[in-house]
Amino acid sequence: NLMQVVHEELRSLPQVTIAKLTGLAR
Protein backbone atom coordinates (compact mmCIF):
# COMPACT_ATOMS: atom_id res chain seq x y z
CA ASN A 1 0.00 0.00 0.00
CA LEU A 2 0.97 3.66 -0.34
CA MET A 3 2.19 4.09 3.23
CA GLN A 4 4.40 0.99 2.97
CA VAL A 5 5.85 2.21 -0.32
CA VAL A 6 6.72 5.65 1.07
CA HIS A 7 8.30 4.17 4.20
CA GLU A 8 10.32 1.69 2.15
CA GLU A 9 11.53 4.46 -0.15
CA LEU A 10 12.69 6.37 2.93
CA ARG A 11 14.31 3.25 4.40
CA SER A 12 16.26 2.56 1.21
CA LEU A 13 17.77 6.04 0.87
CA PRO A 14 21.57 6.09 0.66
CA GLN A 15 21.64 9.03 3.06
CA VAL A 16 21.54 8.58 6.84
CA THR A 17 18.04 9.42 8.08
CA ILE A 18 17.45 10.72 11.63
CA ALA A 19 14.30 11.77 13.50
CA LYS A 20 14.07 14.27 16.35
CA LEU A 21 10.95 13.26 18.26
CA THR A 22 9.60 15.99 20.55
CA GLY A 23 5.90 15.15 20.36
CA LEU A 24 3.54 12.24 19.74
CA ALA A 25 3.79 9.69 16.94
CA ARG A 26 1.15 6.99 16.71
mmCIF file of all heavy atoms, coordinates in Angstrom:
data_MODEL
# 
_entry.id   MODEL 
# 
loop_
_atom_site.group_PDB 
_atom_site.id 
_atom_site.type_symbol 
_atom_site.label_atom_id 
_atom_site.label_alt_id 
_atom_site.label_comp_id 
_atom_site.label_asym_id 
_atom_site.label_entity_id 
_atom_site.label_seq_id 
_atom_site.pdbx_PDB_ins_code 
_atom_site.Cartn_x 
_atom_site.Cartn_y 
_atom_site.Cartn_z 
_atom_site.occupancy 
_atom_site.B_iso_or_equiv 
_atom_site.pdbx_formal_charge 
_atom_site.auth_seq_id 
_atom_site.auth_comp_id 
_atom_site.auth_asym_id 
_atom_site.auth_atom_id 
_atom_site.pdbx_PDB_model_num 
ATOM 1   N N   . ASN A 1 1  ? 0.837  -1.194 0.000  1.00 0.00 ? 1  ASN A N   1 
ATOM 2   C CA  . ASN A 1 1  ? 0.000  0.000  0.000  1.00 0.00 ? 1  ASN A CA  1 
ATOM 3   C C   . ASN A 1 1  ? 0.877  1.252  0.000  1.00 0.00 ? 1  ASN A C   1 
ATOM 4   O O   . ASN A 1 1  ? 2.108  1.189  0.155  1.00 0.00 ? 1  ASN A O   1 
ATOM 5   C CB  . ASN A 1 1  ? -0.986 -0.011 1.180  1.00 0.00 ? 1  ASN A CB  1 
ATOM 6   C CG  . ASN A 1 1  ? -0.293 0.040  2.538  1.00 0.00 ? 1  ASN A CG  1 
ATOM 7   O OD1 . ASN A 1 1  ? 0.494  0.932  2.817  1.00 0.00 ? 1  ASN A OD1 1 
ATOM 8   N ND2 . ASN A 1 1  ? -0.603 -0.936 3.401  1.00 0.00 ? 1  ASN A ND2 1 
ATOM 9   N N   . LEU A 1 2  ? 0.239  2.410  -0.173 1.00 0.00 ? 2  LEU A N   1 
ATOM 10  C CA  . LEU A 1 2  ? 0.974  3.664  -0.340 1.00 0.00 ? 2  LEU A CA  1 
ATOM 11  C C   . LEU A 1 2  ? 1.885  3.958  0.840  1.00 0.00 ? 2  LEU A C   1 
ATOM 12  O O   . LEU A 1 2  ? 3.042  4.355  0.669  1.00 0.00 ? 2  LEU A O   1 
ATOM 13  C CB  . LEU A 1 2  ? -0.015 4.813  -0.538 1.00 0.00 ? 2  LEU A CB  1 
ATOM 14  C CG  . LEU A 1 2  ? 0.590  6.225  -0.560 1.00 0.00 ? 2  LEU A CG  1 
ATOM 15  C CD1 . LEU A 1 2  ? 1.584  6.376  -1.704 1.00 0.00 ? 2  LEU A CD1 1 
ATOM 16  C CD2 . LEU A 1 2  ? -0.518 7.273  -0.662 1.00 0.00 ? 2  LEU A CD2 1 
ATOM 17  N N   . MET A 1 3  ? 1.380  3.764  2.059  1.00 0.00 ? 3  MET A N   1 
ATOM 18  C CA  . MET A 1 3  ? 2.194  4.086  3.226  1.00 0.00 ? 3  MET A CA  1 
ATOM 19  C C   . MET A 1 3  ? 3.422  3.189  3.290  1.00 0.00 ? 3  MET A C   1 
ATOM 20  O O   . MET A 1 3  ? 4.538  3.643  3.579  1.00 0.00 ? 3  MET A O   1 
ATOM 21  C CB  . MET A 1 3  ? 1.356  3.963  4.494  1.00 0.00 ? 3  MET A CB  1 
ATOM 22  C CG  . MET A 1 3  ? 1.922  4.681  5.695  1.00 0.00 ? 3  MET A CG  1 
ATOM 23  S SD  . MET A 1 3  ? 0.805  4.660  7.128  1.00 0.00 ? 3  MET A SD  1 
ATOM 24  C CE  . MET A 1 3  ? -0.419 5.866  6.594  1.00 0.00 ? 3  MET A CE  1 
ATOM 25  N N   . GLN A 1 4  ? 3.254  1.896  2.994  1.00 0.00 ? 4  GLN A N   1 
ATOM 26  C CA  . GLN A 1 4  ? 4.403  0.992  2.969  1.00 0.00 ? 4  GLN A CA  1 
ATOM 27  C C   . GLN A 1 4  ? 5.425  1.422  1.920  1.00 0.00 ? 4  GLN A C   1 
ATOM 28  O O   . GLN A 1 4  ? 6.634  1.403  2.170  1.00 0.00 ? 4  GLN A O   1 
ATOM 29  C CB  . GLN A 1 4  ? 3.934  -0.431 2.666  1.00 0.00 ? 4  GLN A CB  1 
ATOM 30  C CG  . GLN A 1 4  ? 3.144  -1.106 3.771  1.00 0.00 ? 4  GLN A CG  1 
ATOM 31  C CD  . GLN A 1 4  ? 2.635  -2.470 3.339  1.00 0.00 ? 4  GLN A CD  1 
ATOM 32  O OE1 . GLN A 1 4  ? 2.288  -2.677 2.173  1.00 0.00 ? 4  GLN A OE1 1 
ATOM 33  N NE2 . GLN A 1 4  ? 2.585  -3.415 4.260  1.00 0.00 ? 4  GLN A NE2 1 
ATOM 34  N N   . VAL A 1 5  ? 4.943  1.806  0.759  1.00 0.00 ? 5  VAL A N   1 
ATOM 35  C CA  . VAL A 1 5  ? 5.845  2.209  -0.322 1.00 0.00 ? 5  VAL A CA  1 
ATOM 36  C C   . VAL A 1 5  ? 6.665  3.432  0.089  1.00 0.00 ? 5  VAL A C   1 
ATOM 37  O O   . VAL A 1 5  ? 7.894  3.464  -0.088 1.00 0.00 ? 5  VAL A O   1 
ATOM 38  C CB  . VAL A 1 5  ? 5.049  2.506  -1.611 1.00 0.00 ? 5  VAL A CB  1 
ATOM 39  C CG1 . VAL A 1 5  ? 5.938  3.191  -2.653 1.00 0.00 ? 5  VAL A CG1 1 
ATOM 40  C CG2 . VAL A 1 5  ? 4.481  1.210  -2.188 1.00 0.00 ? 5  VAL A CG2 1 
ATOM 41  N N   . VAL A 1 6  ? 6.007  4.435  0.656  1.00 0.00 ? 6  VAL A N   1 
ATOM 42  C CA  . VAL A 1 6  ? 6.719  5.647  1.071  1.00 0.00 ? 6  VAL A CA  1 
ATOM 43  C C   . VAL A 1 6  ? 7.744  5.315  2.144  1.00 0.00 ? 6  VAL A C   1 
ATOM 44  O O   . VAL A 1 6  ? 8.905  5.768  2.088  1.00 0.00 ? 6  VAL A O   1 
ATOM 45  C CB  . VAL A 1 6  ? 5.733  6.714  1.574  1.00 0.00 ? 6  VAL A CB  1 
ATOM 46  C CG1 . VAL A 1 6  ? 6.480  7.898  2.185  1.00 0.00 ? 6  VAL A CG1 1 
ATOM 47  C CG2 . VAL A 1 6  ? 4.843  7.191  0.434  1.00 0.00 ? 6  VAL A CG2 1 
ATOM 48  N N   . HIS A 1 7  ? 7.366  4.514  3.124  1.00 0.00 ? 7  HIS A N   1 
ATOM 49  C CA  . HIS A 1 7  ? 8.301  4.171  4.197  1.00 0.00 ? 7  HIS A CA  1 
ATOM 50  C C   . HIS A 1 7  ? 9.474  3.352  3.672  1.00 0.00 ? 7  HIS A C   1 
ATOM 51  O O   . HIS A 1 7  ? 10.622 3.547  4.110  1.00 0.00 ? 7  HIS A O   1 
ATOM 52  C CB  . HIS A 1 7  ? 7.567  3.409  5.299  1.00 0.00 ? 7  HIS A CB  1 
ATOM 53  C CG  . HIS A 1 7  ? 6.522  4.232  5.993  1.00 0.00 ? 7  HIS A CG  1 
ATOM 54  N ND1 . HIS A 1 7  ? 5.522  3.686  6.771  1.00 0.00 ? 7  HIS A ND1 1 
ATOM 55  C CD2 . HIS A 1 7  ? 6.308  5.572  6.004  1.00 0.00 ? 7  HIS A CD2 1 
ATOM 56  C CE1 . HIS A 1 7  ? 4.756  4.652  7.245  1.00 0.00 ? 7  HIS A CE1 1 
ATOM 57  N NE2 . HIS A 1 7  ? 5.203  5.801  6.785  1.00 0.00 ? 7  HIS A NE2 1 
ATOM 58  N N   . GLU A 1 8  ? 9.223  2.459  2.726  1.00 0.00 ? 8  GLU A N   1 
ATOM 59  C CA  . GLU A 1 8  ? 10.318 1.688  2.145  1.00 0.00 ? 8  GLU A CA  1 
ATOM 60  C C   . GLU A 1 8  ? 11.246 2.563  1.308  1.00 0.00 ? 8  GLU A C   1 
ATOM 61  O O   . GLU A 1 8  ? 12.463 2.363  1.292  1.00 0.00 ? 8  GLU A O   1 
ATOM 62  C CB  . GLU A 1 8  ? 9.768  0.544  1.301  1.00 0.00 ? 8  GLU A CB  1 
ATOM 63  C CG  . GLU A 1 8  ? 9.327  -0.664 2.108  1.00 0.00 ? 8  GLU A CG  1 
ATOM 64  C CD  . GLU A 1 8  ? 10.500 -1.298 2.824  1.00 0.00 ? 8  GLU A CD  1 
ATOM 65  O OE1 . GLU A 1 8  ? 11.253 -2.070 2.205  1.00 0.00 ? 8  GLU A OE1 1 
ATOM 66  O OE2 . GLU A 1 8  ? 10.674 -0.999 4.037  1.00 0.00 ? 8  GLU A OE2 1 
ATOM 67  N N   . GLU A 1 9  ? 10.684 3.542  0.613  1.00 0.00 ? 9  GLU A N   1 
ATOM 68  C CA  . GLU A 1 9  ? 11.533 4.460  -0.152 1.00 0.00 ? 9  GLU A CA  1 
ATOM 69  C C   . GLU A 1 9  ? 12.420 5.277  0.785  1.00 0.00 ? 9  GLU A C   1 
ATOM 70  O O   . GLU A 1 9  ? 13.594 5.520  0.484  1.00 0.00 ? 9  GLU A O   1 
ATOM 71  C CB  . GLU A 1 9  ? 10.662 5.360  -1.030 1.00 0.00 ? 9  GLU A CB  1 
ATOM 72  C CG  . GLU A 1 9  ? 10.045 4.610  -2.208 1.00 0.00 ? 9  GLU A CG  1 
ATOM 73  C CD  . GLU A 1 9  ? 9.094  5.453  -3.040 1.00 0.00 ? 9  GLU A CD  1 
ATOM 74  O OE1 . GLU A 1 9  ? 8.667  6.535  -2.576 1.00 0.00 ? 9  GLU A OE1 1 
ATOM 75  O OE2 . GLU A 1 9  ? 8.760  5.011  -4.158 1.00 0.00 ? 9  GLU A OE2 1 
ATOM 76  N N   . LEU A 1 10 ? 11.882 5.673  1.926  1.00 0.00 ? 10 LEU A N   1 
ATOM 77  C CA  . LEU A 1 10 ? 12.695 6.367  2.928  1.00 0.00 ? 10 LEU A CA  1 
ATOM 78  C C   . LEU A 1 10 ? 13.769 5.433  3.481  1.00 0.00 ? 10 LEU A C   1 
ATOM 79  O O   . LEU A 1 10 ? 14.934 5.826  3.639  1.00 0.00 ? 10 LEU A O   1 
ATOM 80  C CB  . LEU A 1 10 ? 11.812 6.870  4.070  1.00 0.00 ? 10 LEU A CB  1 
ATOM 81  C CG  . LEU A 1 10 ? 10.966 8.108  3.791  1.00 0.00 ? 10 LEU A CG  1 
ATOM 82  C CD1 . LEU A 1 10 ? 9.859  8.239  4.827  1.00 0.00 ? 10 LEU A CD1 1 
ATOM 83  C CD2 . LEU A 1 10 ? 11.839 9.353  3.782  1.00 0.00 ? 10 LEU A CD2 1 
ATOM 84  N N   . ARG A 1 11 ? 13.383 4.204  3.778  1.00 0.00 ? 11 ARG A N   1 
ATOM 85  C CA  . ARG A 1 11 ? 14.311 3.251  4.398  1.00 0.00 ? 11 ARG A CA  1 
ATOM 86  C C   . ARG A 1 11 ? 15.472 2.901  3.475  1.00 0.00 ? 11 ARG A C   1 
ATOM 87  O O   . ARG A 1 11 ? 16.582 2.584  3.934  1.00 0.00 ? 11 ARG A O   1 
ATOM 88  C CB  . ARG A 1 11 ? 13.547 1.986  4.805  1.00 0.00 ? 11 ARG A CB  1 
ATOM 89  C CG  . ARG A 1 11 ? 14.276 1.100  5.804  1.00 0.00 ? 11 ARG A CG  1 
ATOM 90  C CD  . ARG A 1 11 ? 13.389 -0.030 6.301  1.00 0.00 ? 11 ARG A CD  1 
ATOM 91  N NE  . ARG A 1 11 ? 13.119 -1.008 5.263  1.00 0.00 ? 11 ARG A NE  1 
ATOM 92  C CZ  . ARG A 1 11 ? 13.898 -2.043 4.992  1.00 0.00 ? 11 ARG A CZ  1 
ATOM 93  N NH1 . ARG A 1 11 ? 15.008 -2.240 5.684  1.00 0.00 ? 11 ARG A NH1 1 
ATOM 94  N NH2 . ARG A 1 11 ? 13.581 -2.899 4.049  1.00 0.00 ? 11 ARG A NH2 1 
ATOM 95  N N   . SER A 1 12 ? 15.228 2.968  2.168  1.00 0.00 ? 12 SER A N   1 
ATOM 96  C CA  . SER A 1 12 ? 16.255 2.560  1.206  1.00 0.00 ? 12 SER A CA  1 
ATOM 97  C C   . SER A 1 12 ? 17.136 3.717  0.733  1.00 0.00 ? 12 SER A C   1 
ATOM 98  O O   . SER A 1 12 ? 18.006 3.515  -0.119 1.00 0.00 ? 12 SER A O   1 
ATOM 99  C CB  . SER A 1 12 ? 15.593 1.903  -0.010 1.00 0.00 ? 12 SER A CB  1 
ATOM 100 O OG  . SER A 1 12 ? 14.838 2.861  -0.751 1.00 0.00 ? 12 SER A OG  1 
ATOM 101 N N   . LEU A 1 13 ? 16.932 4.914  1.274  1.00 0.00 ? 13 LEU A N   1 
ATOM 102 C CA  . LEU A 1 13 ? 17.766 6.041  0.867  1.00 0.00 ? 13 LEU A CA  1 
ATOM 103 C C   . LEU A 1 13 ? 19.233 5.779  1.197  1.00 0.00 ? 13 LEU A C   1 
ATOM 104 O O   . LEU A 1 13 ? 19.553 5.203  2.233  1.00 0.00 ? 13 LEU A O   1 
ATOM 105 C CB  . LEU A 1 13 ? 17.310 7.322  1.565  1.00 0.00 ? 13 LEU A CB  1 
ATOM 106 C CG  . LEU A 1 13 ? 16.087 8.036  0.993  1.00 0.00 ? 13 LEU A CG  1 
ATOM 107 C CD1 . LEU A 1 13 ? 15.610 9.139  1.950  1.00 0.00 ? 13 LEU A CD1 1 
ATOM 108 C CD2 . LEU A 1 13 ? 16.397 8.631  -0.375 1.00 0.00 ? 13 LEU A CD2 1 
ATOM 109 N N   . PRO A 1 14 ? 20.152 6.246  0.343  1.00 0.00 ? 14 PRO A N   1 
ATOM 110 C CA  . PRO A 1 14 ? 21.571 6.086  0.664  1.00 0.00 ? 14 PRO A CA  1 
ATOM 111 C C   . PRO A 1 14 ? 22.028 7.010  1.786  1.00 0.00 ? 14 PRO A C   1 
ATOM 112 O O   . PRO A 1 14 ? 23.015 6.736  2.463  1.00 0.00 ? 14 PRO A O   1 
ATOM 113 C CB  . PRO A 1 14 ? 22.270 6.435  -0.655 1.00 0.00 ? 14 PRO A CB  1 
ATOM 114 C CG  . PRO A 1 14 ? 21.311 7.330  -1.372 1.00 0.00 ? 14 PRO A CG  1 
ATOM 115 C CD  . PRO A 1 14 ? 19.947 6.845  -1.002 1.00 0.00 ? 14 PRO A CD  1 
ATOM 116 N N   . GLN A 1 15 ? 21.304 8.118  1.985  1.00 0.00 ? 15 GLN A N   1 
ATOM 117 C CA  . GLN A 1 15 ? 21.644 9.035  3.064  1.00 0.00 ? 15 GLN A CA  1 
ATOM 118 C C   . GLN A 1 15 ? 21.279 8.439  4.427  1.00 0.00 ? 15 GLN A C   1 
ATOM 119 O O   . GLN A 1 15 ? 20.442 7.535  4.521  1.00 0.00 ? 15 GLN A O   1 
ATOM 120 C CB  . GLN A 1 15 ? 20.917 10.372 2.890  1.00 0.00 ? 15 GLN A CB  1 
ATOM 121 C CG  . GLN A 1 15 ? 21.368 11.188 1.696  1.00 0.00 ? 15 GLN A CG  1 
ATOM 122 C CD  . GLN A 1 15 ? 20.588 10.906 0.434  1.00 0.00 ? 15 GLN A CD  1 
ATOM 123 O OE1 . GLN A 1 15 ? 19.803 9.953  0.383  1.00 0.00 ? 15 GLN A OE1 1 
ATOM 124 N NE2 . GLN A 1 15 ? 20.788 11.713 -0.595 1.00 0.00 ? 15 GLN A NE2 1 
ATOM 125 N N   . VAL A 1 16 ? 21.903 8.939  5.474  1.00 0.00 ? 16 VAL A N   1 
ATOM 126 C CA  . VAL A 1 16 ? 21.539 8.578  6.839  1.00 0.00 ? 16 VAL A CA  1 
ATOM 127 C C   . VAL A 1 16 ? 20.316 9.400  7.231  1.00 0.00 ? 16 VAL A C   1 
ATOM 128 O O   . VAL A 1 16 ? 20.303 10.623 7.079  1.00 0.00 ? 16 VAL A O   1 
ATOM 129 C CB  . VAL A 1 16 ? 22.695 8.847  7.816  1.00 0.00 ? 16 VAL A CB  1 
ATOM 130 C CG1 . VAL A 1 16 ? 22.244 8.621  9.264  1.00 0.00 ? 16 VAL A CG1 1 
ATOM 131 C CG2 . VAL A 1 16 ? 23.888 7.958  7.482  1.00 0.00 ? 16 VAL A CG2 1 
ATOM 132 N N   . THR A 1 17 ? 19.273 8.734  7.710  1.00 0.00 ? 17 THR A N   1 
ATOM 133 C CA  . THR A 1 17 ? 18.035 9.417  8.085  1.00 0.00 ? 17 THR A CA  1 
ATOM 134 C C   . THR A 1 17 ? 17.870 9.389  9.602  1.00 0.00 ? 17 THR A C   1 
ATOM 135 O O   . THR A 1 17 ? 18.046 8.352  10.241 1.00 0.00 ? 17 THR A O   1 
ATOM 136 C CB  . THR A 1 17 ? 16.816 8.776  7.416  1.00 0.00 ? 17 THR A CB  1 
ATOM 137 O OG1 . THR A 1 17 ? 16.782 7.368  7.718  1.00 0.00 ? 17 THR A OG1 1 
ATOM 138 C CG2 . THR A 1 17 ? 16.870 8.965  5.899  1.00 0.00 ? 17 THR A CG2 1 
ATOM 139 N N   . ILE A 1 18 ? 17.532 10.545 10.172 1.00 0.00 ? 18 ILE A N   1 
ATOM 140 C CA  . ILE A 1 18 ? 17.445 10.724 11.626 1.00 0.00 ? 18 ILE A CA  1 
ATOM 141 C C   . ILE A 1 18 ? 16.147 11.451 11.937 1.00 0.00 ? 18 ILE A C   1 
ATOM 142 O O   . ILE A 1 18 ? 15.746 12.371 11.218 1.00 0.00 ? 18 ILE A O   1 
ATOM 143 C CB  . ILE A 1 18 ? 18.639 11.553 12.158 1.00 0.00 ? 18 ILE A CB  1 
ATOM 144 C CG1 . ILE A 1 18 ? 19.977 10.897 11.786 1.00 0.00 ? 18 ILE A CG1 1 
ATOM 145 C CG2 . ILE A 1 18 ? 18.546 11.748 13.667 1.00 0.00 ? 18 ILE A CG2 1 
ATOM 146 C CD1 . ILE A 1 18 ? 21.192 11.749 12.133 1.00 0.00 ? 18 ILE A CD1 1 
ATOM 147 N N   . ALA A 1 19 ? 15.492 11.059 13.037 1.00 0.00 ? 19 ALA A N   1 
ATOM 148 C CA  . ALA A 1 19 ? 14.299 11.774 13.498 1.00 0.00 ? 19 ALA A CA  1 
ATOM 149 C C   . ALA A 1 19 ? 14.554 12.365 14.869 1.00 0.00 ? 19 ALA A C   1 
ATOM 150 O O   . ALA A 1 19 ? 15.145 11.727 15.750 1.00 0.00 ? 19 ALA A O   1 
ATOM 151 C CB  . ALA A 1 19 ? 13.101 10.836 13.566 1.00 0.00 ? 19 ALA A CB  1 
ATOM 152 N N   . LYS A 1 20 ? 14.079 13.592 15.051 1.00 0.00 ? 20 LYS A N   1 
ATOM 153 C CA  . LYS A 1 20 ? 14.074 14.268 16.345 1.00 0.00 ? 20 LYS A CA  1 
ATOM 154 C C   . LYS A 1 20 ? 12.624 14.282 16.823 1.00 0.00 ? 20 LYS A C   1 
ATOM 155 O O   . LYS A 1 20 ? 11.792 15.009 16.295 1.00 0.00 ? 20 LYS A O   1 
ATOM 156 C CB  . LYS A 1 20 ? 14.620 15.690 16.195 1.00 0.00 ? 20 LYS A CB  1 
ATOM 157 C CG  . LYS A 1 20 ? 14.785 16.454 17.496 1.00 0.00 ? 20 LYS A CG  1 
ATOM 158 C CD  . LYS A 1 20 ? 15.073 17.928 17.230 1.00 0.00 ? 20 LYS A CD  1 
ATOM 159 C CE  . LYS A 1 20 ? 16.364 18.112 16.447 1.00 0.00 ? 20 LYS A CE  1 
ATOM 160 N NZ  . LYS A 1 20 ? 16.640 19.566 16.181 1.00 0.00 ? 20 LYS A NZ  1 
ATOM 161 N N   . LEU A 1 21 ? 12.325 13.448 17.811 1.00 0.00 ? 21 LEU A N   1 
ATOM 162 C CA  . LEU A 1 21 ? 10.945 13.260 18.264 1.00 0.00 ? 21 LEU A CA  1 
ATOM 163 C C   . LEU A 1 21 ? 10.702 14.069 19.536 1.00 0.00 ? 21 LEU A C   1 
ATOM 164 O O   . LEU A 1 21 ? 11.187 13.719 20.614 1.00 0.00 ? 21 LEU A O   1 
ATOM 165 C CB  . LEU A 1 21 ? 10.671 11.774 18.518 1.00 0.00 ? 21 LEU A CB  1 
ATOM 166 C CG  . LEU A 1 21 ? 9.271  11.404 18.983 1.00 0.00 ? 21 LEU A CG  1 
ATOM 167 C CD1 . LEU A 1 21 ? 8.227  11.771 17.924 1.00 0.00 ? 21 LEU A CD1 1 
ATOM 168 C CD2 . LEU A 1 21 ? 9.195  9.912  19.308 1.00 0.00 ? 21 LEU A CD2 1 
ATOM 169 N N   . THR A 1 22 ? 9.922  15.145 19.405 1.00 0.00 ? 22 THR A N   1 
ATOM 170 C CA  . THR A 1 22 ? 9.604  15.992 20.549 1.00 0.00 ? 22 THR A CA  1 
ATOM 171 C C   . THR A 1 22 ? 8.097  16.098 20.764 1.00 0.00 ? 22 THR A C   1 
ATOM 172 O O   . THR A 1 22 ? 7.631  17.038 21.421 1.00 0.00 ? 22 THR A O   1 
ATOM 173 C CB  . THR A 1 22 ? 10.210 17.398 20.358 1.00 0.00 ? 22 THR A CB  1 
ATOM 174 O OG1 . THR A 1 22 ? 9.719  17.968 19.139 1.00 0.00 ? 22 THR A OG1 1 
ATOM 175 C CG2 . THR A 1 22 ? 11.728 17.336 20.299 1.00 0.00 ? 22 THR A CG2 1 
ATOM 176 N N   . GLY A 1 23 ? 7.348  15.170 20.203 1.00 0.00 ? 23 GLY A N   1 
ATOM 177 C CA  . GLY A 1 23 ? 5.902  15.151 20.359 1.00 0.00 ? 23 GLY A CA  1 
ATOM 178 C C   . GLY A 1 23 ? 5.407  13.719 20.226 1.00 0.00 ? 23 GLY A C   1 
ATOM 179 O O   . GLY A 1 23 ? 6.153  12.759 20.459 1.00 0.00 ? 23 GLY A O   1 
ATOM 180 N N   . LEU A 1 24 ? 4.172  13.556 19.828 1.00 0.00 ? 24 LEU A N   1 
ATOM 181 C CA  . LEU A 1 24 ? 3.544  12.242 19.744 1.00 0.00 ? 24 LEU A CA  1 
ATOM 182 C C   . LEU A 1 24 ? 3.600  11.687 18.322 1.00 0.00 ? 24 LEU A C   1 
ATOM 183 O O   . LEU A 1 24 ? 3.461  12.435 17.351 1.00 0.00 ? 24 LEU A O   1 
ATOM 184 C CB  . LEU A 1 24 ? 2.082  12.334 20.194 1.00 0.00 ? 24 LEU A CB  1 
ATOM 185 C CG  . LEU A 1 24 ? 1.854  12.814 21.635 1.00 0.00 ? 24 LEU A CG  1 
ATOM 186 C CD1 . LEU A 1 24 ? 0.371  13.023 21.889 1.00 0.00 ? 24 LEU A CD1 1 
ATOM 187 C CD2 . LEU A 1 24 ? 2.444  11.819 22.631 1.00 0.00 ? 24 LEU A CD2 1 
ATOM 188 N N   . ALA A 1 25 ? 3.803  10.391 18.229 1.00 0.00 ? 25 ALA A N   1 
ATOM 189 C CA  . ALA A 1 25 ? 3.790  9.691  16.935 1.00 0.00 ? 25 ALA A CA  1 
ATOM 190 C C   . ALA A 1 25 ? 3.086  8.362  17.148 1.00 0.00 ? 25 ALA A C   1 
ATOM 191 O O   . ALA A 1 25 ? 3.605  7.485  17.833 1.00 0.00 ? 25 ALA A O   1 
ATOM 192 C CB  . ALA A 1 25 ? 5.203  9.476  16.407 1.00 0.00 ? 25 ALA A CB  1 
ATOM 193 N N   . ARG A 1 26 ? 1.909  8.233  16.575 1.00 0.00 ? 26 ARG A N   1 
ATOM 194 C CA  . ARG A 1 26 ? 1.152  6.994  16.706 1.00 0.00 ? 26 ARG A CA  1 
ATOM 195 C C   . ARG A 1 26 ? 0.882  6.421  15.310 1.00 0.00 ? 26 ARG A C   1 
ATOM 196 O O   . ARG A 1 26 ? 0.893  7.139  14.319 1.00 0.00 ? 26 ARG A O   1 
ATOM 197 C CB  . ARG A 1 26 ? -0.169 7.239  17.423 1.00 0.00 ? 26 ARG A CB  1 
ATOM 198 C CG  . ARG A 1 26 ? -0.068 7.771  18.856 1.00 0.00 ? 26 ARG A CG  1 
ATOM 199 C CD  . ARG A 1 26 ? -1.446 7.941  19.456 1.00 0.00 ? 26 ARG A CD  1 
ATOM 200 N NE  . ARG A 1 26 ? -1.453 8.397  20.836 1.00 0.00 ? 26 ARG A NE  1 
ATOM 201 C CZ  . ARG A 1 26 ? -1.671 9.660  21.212 1.00 0.00 ? 26 ARG A CZ  1 
ATOM 202 N NH1 . ARG A 1 26 ? -1.875 10.599 20.306 1.00 0.00 ? 26 ARG A NH1 1 
ATOM 203 N NH2 . ARG A 1 26 ? -1.687 9.980  22.494 1.00 0.00 ? 26 ARG A NH2 1 
# 
